[in-house]
Protein backbone atom coordinates (compact mmCIF):
# COMPACT_ATOMS: atom_id res chain seq x y z
CA PHE A 1 -27.02 116.97 112.94
CA PRO A 2 -24.16 116.55 110.45
CA SER A 3 -25.69 119.03 107.98
CA HIS A 4 -28.75 121.25 108.01
CA ASP A 5 -30.20 124.36 106.44
CA SER A 6 -33.39 126.30 106.96
CA THR A 7 -35.38 129.39 106.08
CA SER A 8 -38.21 130.95 108.01
CA GLN A 9 -40.53 128.48 106.27
CA HIS A 10 -38.90 125.06 105.92
CA VAL A 11 -36.06 122.93 107.29
CA LEU A 12 -33.85 120.23 105.76
CA ILE A 13 -31.37 118.01 107.63
CA ILE A 14 -29.02 115.18 106.71
CA VAL A 15 -28.61 112.67 109.52
CA SER A 16 -26.28 110.52 107.37
CA GLY A 17 -25.94 109.98 103.59
CA PRO A 18 -29.25 108.22 102.84
CA ILE A 19 -31.11 109.45 105.94
CA ASN A 20 -32.59 112.92 105.53
CA TYR A 21 -35.64 114.83 106.70
CA SER A 22 -37.55 117.95 105.79
CA TRP A 23 -40.58 119.75 107.19
CA GLY A 24 -42.46 123.05 107.21
CA ASP A 25 -44.13 124.99 104.41
CA ASN A 26 -44.56 122.81 101.34
CA SER A 27 -46.69 125.05 99.11
CA SER A 28 -44.27 124.63 96.19
CA GLY A 29 -43.15 121.07 96.92
CA GLN A 30 -39.94 122.18 98.68
CA ILE A 31 -40.20 119.39 101.28
CA GLY A 32 -39.56 116.86 98.50
CA ASP A 33 -42.11 114.25 99.56
CA SER A 34 -44.04 114.33 96.24
CA THR A 35 -46.84 116.45 97.74
CA THR A 36 -47.62 120.09 98.40
CA PHE A 37 -49.03 119.50 101.89
CA ASP A 38 -47.37 121.46 104.71
CA ARG A 39 -45.61 119.17 107.19
CA SER A 40 -45.45 119.84 110.93
CA SER A 41 -43.16 116.88 111.61
CA PRO A 42 -40.07 115.54 109.80
CA ARG A 43 -40.66 113.67 106.53
CA SER A 44 -38.06 111.43 104.92
CA ILE A 45 -37.08 112.35 101.37
CA ALA A 46 -36.78 109.26 99.17
CA GLY A 47 -34.83 108.87 95.97
CA ILE A 48 -31.46 110.37 96.81
CA THR A 49 -28.65 108.65 98.67
CA ASN A 50 -25.18 109.79 99.66
CA TRP A 51 -26.03 113.44 100.25
CA ILE A 52 -23.05 115.57 101.17
CA GLN A 53 -24.40 119.11 100.95
CA ILE A 54 -27.81 120.76 101.07
CA GLY A 55 -29.27 124.20 100.60
CA VAL A 56 -32.65 125.74 101.31
CA GLY A 57 -33.84 128.71 99.27
CA GLY A 58 -36.97 130.82 99.64
CA ALA A 59 -39.23 127.98 98.47
CA HIS A 60 -36.81 125.55 96.78
CA THR A 61 -34.32 122.99 98.01
CA ILE A 62 -31.05 121.63 96.61
CA ALA A 63 -28.86 118.63 97.44
CA LEU A 64 -25.42 117.59 96.23
CA THR A 65 -24.42 113.91 96.28
CA THR A 66 -21.06 112.18 96.59
CA GLN A 67 -21.38 111.42 92.85
CA ALA A 68 -21.30 115.23 92.23
CA THR A 69 -24.93 115.25 91.05
CA LEU A 70 -27.08 118.25 91.92
CA TYR A 71 -30.73 117.58 92.76
CA THR A 72 -33.30 120.37 93.05
CA TRP A 73 -37.01 120.63 93.92
CA GLY A 74 -39.68 123.09 94.98
CA ASN A 75 -40.53 126.48 93.48
CA ASN A 76 -39.18 127.03 89.97
CA ARG A 77 -40.92 130.26 88.97
CA ASP A 78 -37.59 131.88 88.06
CA GLY A 79 -35.84 128.73 86.77
CA GLN A 80 -33.91 128.23 90.02
CA LEU A 81 -34.14 124.43 89.75
CA GLY A 82 -31.85 124.42 86.72
CA ASP A 83 -33.97 121.96 84.74
CA ASN A 84 -34.67 124.20 81.73
CA THR A 85 -38.30 124.73 82.83
CA THR A 86 -40.25 127.01 85.16
CA ILE A 87 -42.41 124.16 86.49
CA ASN A 88 -42.41 123.47 90.25
CA LYS A 89 -41.22 120.01 91.33
CA SER A 90 -42.43 118.24 94.50
CA SER A 91 -39.71 115.58 94.48
CA PRO A 92 -35.96 115.73 93.81
CA SER A 93 -34.81 115.71 90.18
CA ALA A 94 -31.35 116.15 88.70
CA ALA A 95 -30.47 119.63 87.47
CA VAL A 96 -29.72 119.73 83.74
CA VAL A 97 -26.45 121.49 83.01
CA GLY A 98 -24.48 119.39 80.55
CA ASN A 99 -21.90 117.13 82.16
CA GLN A 100 -21.16 119.50 85.04
CA ILE A 101 -19.36 117.98 88.00
CA TRP A 102 -20.52 119.95 91.03
CA THR A 103 -18.19 120.61 93.94
CA ASP A 104 -20.16 123.22 95.87
CA VAL A 105 -23.71 124.59 95.73
CA ARG A 106 -25.75 127.30 97.47
CA ALA A 107 -29.43 128.20 97.46
CA GLY A 108 -30.53 131.82 97.56
CA ARG A 109 -34.03 133.19 97.93
CA LEU A 110 -34.83 132.85 94.19
CA GLN A 111 -31.63 131.39 92.76
CA THR A 112 -29.19 128.48 92.90
CA LEU A 113 -25.44 128.90 92.62
CA GLY A 114 -23.13 126.01 91.84
CA TRP A 115 -19.55 125.43 90.83
């Protein structure tokens, strides 16, 4: 696969820009399919095209697009989604950080790092 990332609980892959899949534990919505049902087979994630980079944290997921937009979803207990809330999200939403143009991003267990 061109790009992939995983933890012990969920997997995310990019096959090509608009084609992407995720599966595994989904207790916090980290699969991104608008549910919190665990998935034992790959599920397509709708709503984002032109992915160039992805990251999988402990129970959250991040994706960077060719337009330099950072999308995040999943567990947000510690604010790791960067949306000025601590509410979990079960589908991708843009991180809110002014007019930041992202060039690289990483997901840690409970944090997101971008520059």
